[in-house]
Amino acid sequence: MMNLTGNILTVDIGNTAVKGSVFYGDRLLESLVVDDRNPDGLVSLVDRHGLEGAIYCSVGSDDRGFAARMRAFLDVEVMELSHSTPLPIEIEYDTPLTLGLDRVAGAVGAAALGGNVMTVDAGTAVTLDIVSDNRFKGGNISPGLRLRFRSLNEFTSRLPLVGLDGEIPIFGHDTQTAIRSGVVGGLTAEIVSAYRDASRVYPGLKLLLTGGDADFIASLPAIRDLGCAVVDHQVVGRGLAAIFKYNRRKQ
């Protein structure tokens, strides 16, 4: 498999999915999502691209040993992003050891845009993070859309489990639309309010959306009205590739 092409495999082991991507520089060559129980799905990706190295991060403990099994079939250097990994940005966070490594990688990817960036990573959880001039300033964490829907169903006696498919009026006209509008409207208001507050501190703030629900959020009228939202599903992978290259240069 080894072929010193400059191609870097990045693997983002998330709460509900594993994303593998191959980058040449900051250019994405190919990406796919694989089963978190079986890294064999990455074999086809690796076989199509000669690799110079690989890097991965995990938001949890990787109880299924995905990373160890991935290492078994790669014959290139495999780097694990940890809290001690040297980074090309500064982390200004009071508790850096509790900072999710996907947020670290995403901050590095966002920093490549330059200036001030607010990244909204909308997945199982929603993180809103600020990067300013290559410094991670911190951010917020709240439940993602599906967690909000599920919590209303699981922690009440009569509310049904509702999903994103369906009408989203300003105010619901039945229980399902009331839940859907409340959940979606609540997250939308959270993002818009955070962006406007941050814009007063960080001039020219860019809004970067990523994660499984990024496209849906970008389509919402209140987000479109901001006029600055950009969707990039590869910001974490791009950050991982940048971290790998930064450490390679330091060796």
C-alpha atoms as a PDB file:
ATOM      1  CA  MET A   1       0.000   0.000   0.000  1.00  0.00           C
ATOM      2  CA  MET A   2       2.820   2.401   0.768  1.00  0.00           C
ATOM      3  CA  ASN A   3       3.395   5.055  -1.875  1.00  0.00           C
ATOM      4  CA  LEU A   4       4.942   8.403  -0.898  1.00  0.00           C
ATOM      5  CA  THR A   5       2.452  10.464  -2.832  1.00  0.00           C
ATOM      6  CA  GLY A   6       1.735  13.027  -0.144  1.00  0.00           C
ATOM      7  CA  ASN A   7      -1.744  11.543   0.351  1.00  0.00           C
ATOM      8  CA  ILE A   8      -2.922  11.499   3.975  1.00  0.00           C
ATOM      9  CA  LEU A   9      -5.724   9.299   5.290  1.00  0.00           C
ATOM     10  CA  THR A  10      -7.747  10.958   8.043  1.00  0.00           C
ATOM     11  CA  VAL A  11     -10.182   8.990  10.196  1.00  0.00           C
ATOM     12  CA  ASP A  12     -12.733  10.724  12.413  1.00  0.00           C
ATOM     13  CA  ILE A  13     -14.258   8.215  14.859  1.00  0.00           C
ATOM     14  CA  GLY A  14     -17.438   9.929  16.008  1.00  0.00           C
ATOM     15  CA  ASN A  15     -20.354   9.096  18.276  1.00  0.00           C
ATOM     16  CA  THR A  16     -22.424   7.439  15.573  1.00  0.00           C
ATOM     17  CA  ALA A  17     -20.222   7.138  12.472  1.00  0.00           C
ATOM     18  CA  VAL A  18     -16.620   6.819  11.281  1.00  0.00           C
ATOM     19  CA  LYS A  19     -15.517   9.017   8.396  1.00  0.00           C
ATOM     20  CA  GLY A  20     -12.412   8.178   6.382  1.00  0.00           C
ATOM     21  CA  SER A  21     -11.003  10.752   3.948  1.00  0.00           C
ATOM     22  CA  VAL A  22      -7.906  11.018   1.782  1.00  0.00           C
ATOM     23  CA  PHE A  23      -6.328  14.441   1.289  1.00  0.00           C
ATOM     24  CA  TYR A  24      -3.572  15.655  -0.966  1.00  0.00           C
ATOM     25  CA  GLY A  25      -2.530  18.884   0.674  1.00  0.00           C
ATOM     26  CA  ASP A  26      -5.840  20.475   1.602  1.00  0.00           C
ATOM     27  CA  ARG A  27      -7.603  18.966  -1.423  1.00  0.00           C
ATOM     28  CA  LEU A  28     -10.040  16.156  -0.727  1.00  0.00           C
ATOM     29  CA  LEU A  29      -9.545  13.162  -3.015  1.00  0.00           C
ATOM     30  CA  GLU A  30     -12.227  10.868  -1.634  1.00  0.00           C
ATOM     31  CA  SER A  31     -14.294  10.348   1.490  1.00  0.00           C
ATOM     32  CA  LEU A  32     -16.609   7.679   2.824  1.00  0.00           C
ATOM     33  CA  VAL A  33     -18.425   6.690   6.006  1.00  0.00           C
ATOM     34  CA  VAL A  34     -17.814   3.180   7.345  1.00  0.00           C
ATOM     35  CA  ASP A  35     -19.212   0.921  10.053  1.00  0.00           C
ATOM     36  CA  ASP A  36     -17.754   1.788  13.446  1.00  0.00           C
ATOM     37  CA  ARG A  37     -17.437  -1.919  14.221  1.00  0.00           C
ATOM     38  CA  ASN A  38     -15.401  -2.826  11.157  1.00  0.00           C
ATOM     39  CA  PRO A  39     -12.589  -0.783   9.571  1.00  0.00           C
ATOM     40  CA  ASP A  40     -12.462  -3.113   6.544  1.00  0.00           C
ATOM     41  CA  GLY A  41     -14.558  -0.549   4.701  1.00  0.00           C
ATOM     42  CA  LEU A  42     -11.471   1.662   4.588  1.00  0.00           C
ATOM     43  CA  VAL A  43      -9.512  -0.936   2.605  1.00  0.00           C
ATOM     44  CA  SER A  44     -11.106   0.026  -0.698  1.00  0.00           C
ATOM     45  CA  LEU A  45     -10.393   3.687   0.013  1.00  0.00           C
ATOM     46  CA  VAL A  46      -6.762   2.974   0.854  1.00  0.00           C
ATOM     47  CA  ASP A  47      -6.304   0.704  -2.163  1.00  0.00           C
ATOM     48  CA  ARG A  48      -7.385   3.482  -4.520  1.00  0.00           C
ATOM     49  CA  HIS A  49      -4.882   5.997  -3.127  1.00  0.00           C
ATOM     50  CA  GLY A  50      -1.229   5.581  -2.266  1.00  0.00           C
ATOM     51  CA  LEU A  51      -0.677   6.860   1.249  1.00  0.00           C
ATOM     52  CA  GLU A  52       2.168   8.689   2.912  1.00  0.00           C
ATOM     53  CA  GLY A  53       0.563   8.476   6.320  1.00  0.00           C
ATOM     54  CA  ALA A  54      -2.627   8.405   8.353  1.00  0.00           C
ATOM     55  CA  ILE A  55      -4.032  10.200  11.375  1.00  0.00           C
ATOM     56  CA  TYR A  56      -7.154   9.592  13.430  1.00  0.00           C
ATOM     57  CA  CYS A  57      -9.094  11.059  16.320  1.00  0.00           C
ATOM     58  CA  SER A  58     -11.885   9.628  18.436  1.00  0.00           C
ATOM     59  CA  VAL A  59     -14.507  11.495  20.431  1.00  0.00           C
ATOM     60  CA  GLY A  60     -14.781   8.595  22.879  1.00  0.00           C
ATOM     61  CA  SER A  61     -12.807   5.631  24.146  1.00  0.00           C
ATOM     62  CA  ASP A  62     -13.037   3.599  20.892  1.00  0.00           C
ATOM     63  CA  ASP A  63     -14.236   0.576  22.880  1.00  0.00           C
ATOM     64  CA  ARG A  64     -14.510  -1.533  19.732  1.00  0.00           C
ATOM     65  CA  GLY A  65     -10.810  -1.130  18.913  1.00  0.00           C
ATOM     66  CA  PHE A  66     -11.457   0.397  15.506  1.00  0.00           C
ATOM     67  CA  ALA A  67      -8.114   2.233  15.518  1.00  0.00           C
ATOM     68  CA  ALA A  68      -6.088  -0.867  16.446  1.00  0.00           C
ATOM     69  CA  ARG A  69      -7.665  -2.879  13.646  1.00  0.00           C
ATOM     70  CA  MET A  70      -7.104  -0.014  11.215  1.00  0.00           C
ATOM     71  CA  ARG A  71      -3.411   0.061  12.089  1.00  0.00           C
ATOM     72  CA  ALA A  72      -3.197  -3.670  11.333  1.00  0.00           C
ATOM     73  CA  PHE A  73      -3.796  -3.248   7.613  1.00  0.00           C
ATOM     74  CA  LEU A  74      -1.901   0.025   7.060  1.00  0.00           C
ATOM     75  CA  ASP A  75       1.839  -0.066   6.377  1.00  0.00           C
ATOM     76  CA  VAL A  76       2.388   3.666   6.829  1.00  0.00           C
ATOM     77  CA  GLU A  77       2.844   5.866   9.881  1.00  0.00           C
ATOM     78  CA  VAL A  78      -0.441   6.160  11.771  1.00  0.00           C
ATOM     79  CA  MET A  79      -0.669   9.121  14.144  1.00  0.00           C
ATOM     80  CA  GLU A  80      -3.244   9.377  16.916  1.00  0.00           C
ATOM     81  CA  LEU A  81      -4.400  12.884  17.766  1.00  0.00           C
ATOM     82  CA  SER A  82      -4.161  13.307  21.534  1.00  0.00           C
ATOM     83  CA  HIS A  83      -4.130  16.222  23.937  1.00  0.00           C
ATOM     84  CA  SER A  84      -0.319  16.165  23.874  1.00  0.00           C
ATOM     85  CA  THR A  85      -0.005  16.319  20.066  1.00  0.00           C
ATOM     86  CA  PRO A  86       1.730  19.540  18.920  1.00  0.00           C
ATOM     87  CA  LEU A  87      -0.694  21.762  17.018  1.00  0.00           C
ATOM     88  CA  PRO A  88      -0.351  24.589  14.479  1.00  0.00           C
ATOM     89  CA  ILE A  89      -2.782  26.708  16.541  1.00  0.00           C
ATOM     90  CA  GLU A  90      -2.938  27.870  20.167  1.00  0.00           C
ATOM     91  CA  ILE A  91      -5.595  26.395  22.479  1.00  0.00           C
ATOM     92  CA  GLU A  92      -6.963  29.025  24.876  1.00  0.00           C
ATOM     93  CA  TYR A  93      -9.221  26.793  26.958  1.00  0.00           C
ATOM     94  CA  ASP A  94      -9.193  26.534  30.738  1.00  0.00           C
ATOM     95  CA  THR A  95      -9.518  22.733  30.685  1.00  0.00           C
ATOM     96  CA  PRO A  96      -7.698  21.603  27.513  1.00  0.00           C
ATOM     97  CA  LEU A  97      -7.651  17.950  28.596  1.00  0.00           C
ATOM     98  CA  THR A  98     -11.457  17.894  28.465  1.00  0.00           C
ATOM     99  CA  LEU A  99     -11.640  19.448  25.015  1.00  0.00           C
ATOM    100  CA  GLY A 100     -12.999  16.991  22.448  1.00  0.00           C
ATOM    101  CA  LEU A 101     -10.355  16.003  19.932  1.00  0.00           C
ATOM    102  CA  ASP A 102     -12.809  16.395  17.060  1.00  0.00           C
ATOM    103  CA  ARG A 103     -13.236  20.015  18.188  1.00  0.00           C
ATOM    104  CA  VAL A 104      -9.447  20.425  18.200  1.00  0.00           C
ATOM    105  CA  ALA A 105      -9.156  19.073  14.664  1.00  0.00           C
ATOM    106  CA  GLY A 106     -12.103  21.169  13.529  1.00  0.00           C
ATOM    107  CA  ALA A 107     -10.496  24.288  14.973  1.00  0.00           C
ATOM    108  CA  VAL A 108      -7.302  23.600  13.021  1.00  0.00           C
ATOM    109  CA  GLY A 109      -9.344  23.086   9.854  1.00  0.00           C
ATOM    110  CA  ALA A 110     -11.294  26.302  10.459  1.00  0.00           C
ATOM    111  CA  ALA A 111      -8.117  28.277  11.166  1.00  0.00           C
ATOM    112  CA  ALA A 112      -7.017  27.638   7.572  1.00  0.00           C
ATOM    113  CA  LEU A 113      -9.730  30.093   6.482  1.00  0.00           C
ATOM    114  CA  GLY A 114      -7.876  32.865   8.300  1.00  0.00           C
ATOM    115  CA  GLY A 115      -9.339  35.631  10.446  1.00  0.00           C
ATOM    116  CA  ASN A 116     -12.280  34.928  12.716  1.00  0.00           C
ATOM    117  CA  VAL A 117     -14.430  31.807  12.281  1.00  0.00           C
ATOM    118  CA  MET A 118     -17.363  30.304  14.191  1.00  0.00           C
ATOM    119  CA  THR A 119     -17.710  26.600  13.415  1.00  0.00           C
ATOM    120  CA  VAL A 120     -21.029  24.880  14.045  1.00  0.00           C
ATOM    121  CA  ASP A 121     -20.579  21.100  14.119  1.00  0.00           C
ATOM    122  CA  ALA A 122     -24.109  19.715  14.054  1.00  0.00           C
ATOM    123  CA  GLY A 123     -24.156  16.027  14.870  1.00  0.00           C
ATOM    124  CA  THR A 124     -25.229  14.025  17.910  1.00  0.00           C
ATOM    125  CA  ALA A 125     -24.169  17.071  19.884  1.00  0.00           C
ATOM    126  CA  VAL A 126     -23.885  20.597  18.504  1.00  0.00           C
ATOM    127  CA  THR A 127     -20.681  22.508  19.167  1.00  0.00           C
ATOM    128  CA  LEU A 128     -20.243  26.203  18.384  1.00  0.00           C
ATOM    129  CA  ASP A 129     -16.543  27.054  18.478  1.00  0.00           C
ATOM    130  CA  ILE A 130     -14.603  30.249  17.861  1.00  0.00           C
ATOM    131  CA  VAL A 131     -11.184  30.431  16.197  1.00  0.00           C
ATOM    132  CA  SER A 132      -9.556  33.836  15.960  1.00  0.00           C
ATOM    133  CA  ASP A 133      -6.182  34.379  14.283  1.00  0.00           C
ATOM    134  CA  ASN A 134      -4.991  30.800  14.888  1.00  0.00           C
ATOM    135  CA  ARG A 135      -6.251  30.726  18.471  1.00  0.00           C
ATOM    136  CA  PHE A 136      -9.042  28.485  19.711  1.00  0.00           C
ATOM    137  CA  LYS A 137     -11.098  30.718  22.003  1.00  0.00           C
ATOM    138  CA  GLY A 138     -13.684  28.214  23.232  1.00  0.00           C
ATOM    139  CA  GLY A 139     -17.318  27.586  22.466  1.00  0.00           C
ATOM    140  CA  ASN A 140     -20.611  26.028  23.470  1.00  0.00           C
ATOM    141  CA  ILE A 141     -22.005  22.483  23.527  1.00  0.00           C
ATOM    142  CA  SER A 142     -25.684  21.576  23.351  1.00  0.00           C
ATOM    143  CA  PRO A 143     -27.815  18.594  22.250  1.00  0.00           C
ATOM    144  CA  GLY A 144     -28.146  17.917  18.534  1.00  0.00           C
ATOM    145  CA  LEU A 145     -31.494  17.832  16.761  1.00  0.00           C
ATOM    146  CA  ARG A 146     -32.089  14.106  17.215  1.00  0.00           C
ATOM    147  CA  LEU A 147     -31.141  14.215  20.876  1.00  0.00           C
ATOM    148  CA  ARG A 148     -33.675  16.995  21.389  1.00  0.00           C
ATOM    149  CA  PHE A 149     -36.397  15.016  19.653  1.00  0.00           C
ATOM    150  CA  ARG A 150     -35.523  11.870  21.591  1.00  0.00           C
ATOM    151  CA  SER A 151     -35.387  13.579  24.973  1.00  0.00           C
ATOM    152  CA  LEU A 152     -38.917  14.963  24.556  1.00  0.00           C
ATOM    153  CA  ASN A 153     -40.136  11.447  23.805  1.00  0.00           C
ATOM    154  CA  GLU A 154     -38.151   9.605  26.484  1.00  0.00           C
ATOM    155  CA  PHE A 155     -38.550  12.050  29.374  1.00  0.00           C
ATOM    156  CA  THR A 156     -42.252  12.778  29.003  1.00  0.00           C
ATOM    157  CA  SER A 157     -45.192  10.417  29.246  1.00  0.00           C
ATOM    158  CA  ARG A 158     -47.140  11.307  26.105  1.00  0.00           C
ATOM    159  CA  LEU A 159     -45.041  13.226  23.595  1.00  0.00           C
ATOM    160  CA  PRO A 160     -44.300  11.213  20.431  1.00  0.00           C
ATOM    161  CA  LEU A 161     -40.920  10.745  18.800  1.00  0.00           C
ATOM    162  CA  VAL A 162     -40.765  13.225  15.922  1.00  0.00           C
ATOM    163  CA  GLY A 163     -38.177  13.618  13.153  1.00  0.00           C
ATOM    164  CA  LEU A 164     -37.102  16.315  10.754  1.00  0.00           C
ATOM    165  CA  ASP A 165     -39.303  15.169   7.875  1.00  0.00           C
ATOM    166  CA  GLY A 166     -42.451  17.230   7.705  1.00  0.00           C
ATOM    167  CA  GLU A 167     -43.813  20.731   7.944  1.00  0.00           C
ATOM    168  CA  ILE A 168     -41.965  23.292  10.083  1.00  0.00           C
ATOM    169  CA  PRO A 169     -44.337  26.233  10.612  1.00  0.00           C
ATOM    170  CA  ILE A 170     -43.443  29.231  12.757  1.00  0.00           C
ATOM    171  CA  PHE A 171     -45.892  27.900  15.358  1.00  0.00           C
ATOM    172  CA  GLY A 172     -47.080  24.306  15.399  1.00  0.00           C
ATOM    173  CA  HIS A 173     -50.737  23.516  14.684  1.00  0.00           C
ATOM    174  CA  ASP A 174     -50.621  19.993  16.153  1.00  0.00           C
ATOM    175  CA  THR A 175     -48.322  18.094  18.508  1.00  0.00           C
ATOM    176  CA  GLN A 176     -45.931  16.875  15.822  1.00  0.00           C
ATOM    177  CA  THR A 177     -45.457  20.277  14.200  1.00  0.00           C
ATOM    178  CA  ALA A 178     -45.235  21.902  17.645  1.00  0.00           C
ATOM    179  CA  ILE A 179     -42.334  19.607  18.559  1.00  0.00           C
ATOM    180  CA  ARG A 180     -40.625  19.914  15.168  1.00  0.00           C
ATOM    181  CA  SER A 181     -40.932  23.699  15.104  1.00  0.00           C
ATOM    182  CA  GLY A 182     -39.838  24.019  18.706  1.00  0.00           C
ATOM    183  CA  VAL A 183     -36.757  21.832  18.278  1.00  0.00           C
ATOM    184  CA  VAL A 184     -35.652  23.299  14.954  1.00  0.00           C
ATOM    185  CA  GLY A 185     -36.527  26.854  15.931  1.00  0.00           C
ATOM    186  CA  GLY A 186     -34.715  26.514  19.234  1.00  0.00           C
ATOM    187  CA  LEU A 187     -31.463  25.360  17.644  1.00  0.00           C
ATOM    188  CA  THR A 188     -31.741  27.958  14.886  1.00  0.00           C
ATOM    189  CA  ALA A 189     -32.215  30.755  17.419  1.00  0.00           C
ATOM    190  CA  GLU A 190     -29.261  29.416  19.417  1.00  0.00           C
ATOM    191  CA  ILE A 191     -26.957  29.544  16.387  1.00  0.00           C
ATOM    192  CA  VAL A 192     -28.138  32.955  15.178  1.00  0.00           C
ATOM    193  CA  SER A 193     -27.885  34.492  18.652  1.00  0.00           C
ATOM    194  CA  ALA A 194     -24.396  33.060  19.230  1.00  0.00           C
ATOM    195  CA  TYR A 195     -23.229  34.276  15.824  1.00  0.00           C
ATOM    196  CA  ARG A 196     -24.536  37.810  16.391  1.00  0.00           C
ATOM    197  CA  ASP A 197     -23.032  37.991  19.880  1.00  0.00           C
ATOM    198  CA  ALA A 198     -19.676  36.701  18.629  1.00  0.00           C
ATOM    199  CA  SER A 199     -19.695  39.104  15.672  1.00  0.00           C
ATOM    200  CA  ARG A 200     -19.605  42.020  18.085  1.00  0.00           C
ATOM    201  CA  VAL A 201     -16.357  40.668  19.519  1.00  0.00           C
ATOM    202  CA  TYR A 202     -14.805  39.178  16.383  1.00  0.00           C
ATOM    203  CA  PRO A 203     -15.214  41.467  13.336  1.00  0.00           C
ATOM    204  CA  GLY A 204     -15.792  39.855   9.949  1.00  0.00           C
ATOM    205  CA  LEU A 205     -16.775  36.567  11.597  1.00  0.00           C
ATOM    206  CA  LYS A 206     -17.208  33.679   9.140  1.00  0.00           C
ATOM    207  CA  LEU A 207     -19.836  31.002   9.828  1.00  0.00           C
ATOM    208  CA  LEU A 208     -18.761  27.456   8.968  1.00  0.00           C
ATOM    209  CA  LEU A 209     -21.272  24.588   9.194  1.00  0.00           C
ATOM    210  CA  THR A 210     -20.229  20.946   9.360  1.00  0.00           C
ATOM    211  CA  GLY A 211     -21.563  17.642  10.687  1.00  0.00           C
ATOM    212  CA  GLY A 212     -24.447  15.412   9.686  1.00  0.00           C
ATOM    213  CA  ASP A 213     -27.133  18.097   9.944  1.00  0.00           C
ATOM    214  CA  ALA A 214     -25.102  20.920   8.370  1.00  0.00           C
ATOM    215  CA  ASP A 215     -26.970  20.931   5.049  1.00  0.00           C
ATOM    216  CA  PHE A 216     -30.336  20.998   6.782  1.00  0.00           C
ATOM    217  CA  ILE A 217     -29.305  23.862   9.048  1.00  0.00           C
ATOM    218  CA  ALA A 218     -27.849  25.817   6.141  1.00  0.00           C
ATOM    219  CA  SER A 219     -31.212  25.574   4.359  1.00  0.00           C
ATOM    220  CA  LEU A 220     -33.153  27.255   7.180  1.00  0.00           C
ATOM    221  CA  PRO A 221     -34.326  30.796   6.356  1.00  0.00           C
ATOM    222  CA  ALA A 222     -32.861  32.387   9.488  1.00  0.00           C
ATOM    223  CA  ILE A 223     -29.439  30.923   8.710  1.00  0.00           C
ATOM    224  CA  ARG A 224     -29.642  31.908   5.038  1.00  0.00           C
ATOM    225  CA  ASP A 225     -30.576  35.447   6.101  1.00  0.00           C
ATOM    226  CA  LEU A 226     -27.216  35.799   7.833  1.00  0.00           C
ATOM    227  CA  GLY A 227     -25.706  35.685   4.344  1.00  0.00           C
ATOM    228  CA  CYS A 228     -22.394  34.203   5.417  1.00  0.00           C
ATOM    229  CA  ALA A 229     -22.894  30.495   6.163  1.00  0.00           C
ATOM    230  CA  VAL A 230     -20.635  28.029   4.328  1.00  0.00           C
ATOM    231  CA  VAL A 231     -20.975  24.236   4.575  1.00  0.00           C
ATOM    232  CA  ASP A 232     -17.778  22.182   4.762  1.00  0.00           C
ATOM    233  CA  HIS A 233     -18.242  18.528   5.706  1.00  0.00           C
ATOM    234  CA  GLN A 234     -14.478  17.996   5.716  1.00  0.00           C
ATOM    235  CA  VAL A 235     -13.294  20.617   8.202  1.00  0.00           C
ATOM    236  CA  VAL A 236     -12.309  17.968  10.799  1.00  0.00           C
ATOM    237  CA  GLY A 237     -10.519  15.826   8.200  1.00  0.00           C
ATOM    238  CA  ARG A 238      -8.782  18.878   6.775  1.00  0.00           C
ATOM    239  CA  GLY A 239      -7.633  19.789  10.276  1.00  0.00           C
ATOM    240  CA  LEU A 240      -6.350  16.270  10.916  1.00  0.00           C
ATOM    241  CA  ALA A 241      -4.344  16.352   7.672  1.00  0.00           C
ATOM    242  CA  ALA A 242      -2.866  19.724   8.640  1.00  0.00           C
ATOM    243  CA  ILE A 243      -1.886  18.378  12.082  1.00  0.00           C
ATOM    244  CA  PHE A 244      -0.191  15.354  10.500  1.00  0.00           C
ATOM    245  CA  LYS A 245       1.830  17.546   8.131  1.00  0.00           C
ATOM    246  CA  TYR A 246       2.722  19.984  10.918  1.00  0.00           C
ATOM    247  CA  ASN A 247       4.145  17.157  13.045  1.00  0.00           C
ATOM    248  CA  ARG A 248       5.906  15.572  10.070  1.00  0.00           C
ATOM    249  CA  ARG A 249       7.725  18.876   9.445  1.00  0.00           C
ATOM    250  CA  LYS A 250       8.783  19.054  13.086  1.00  0.00           C
ATOM    251  CA  GLN A 251      10.418  15.605  12.984  1.00  0.00           C
END
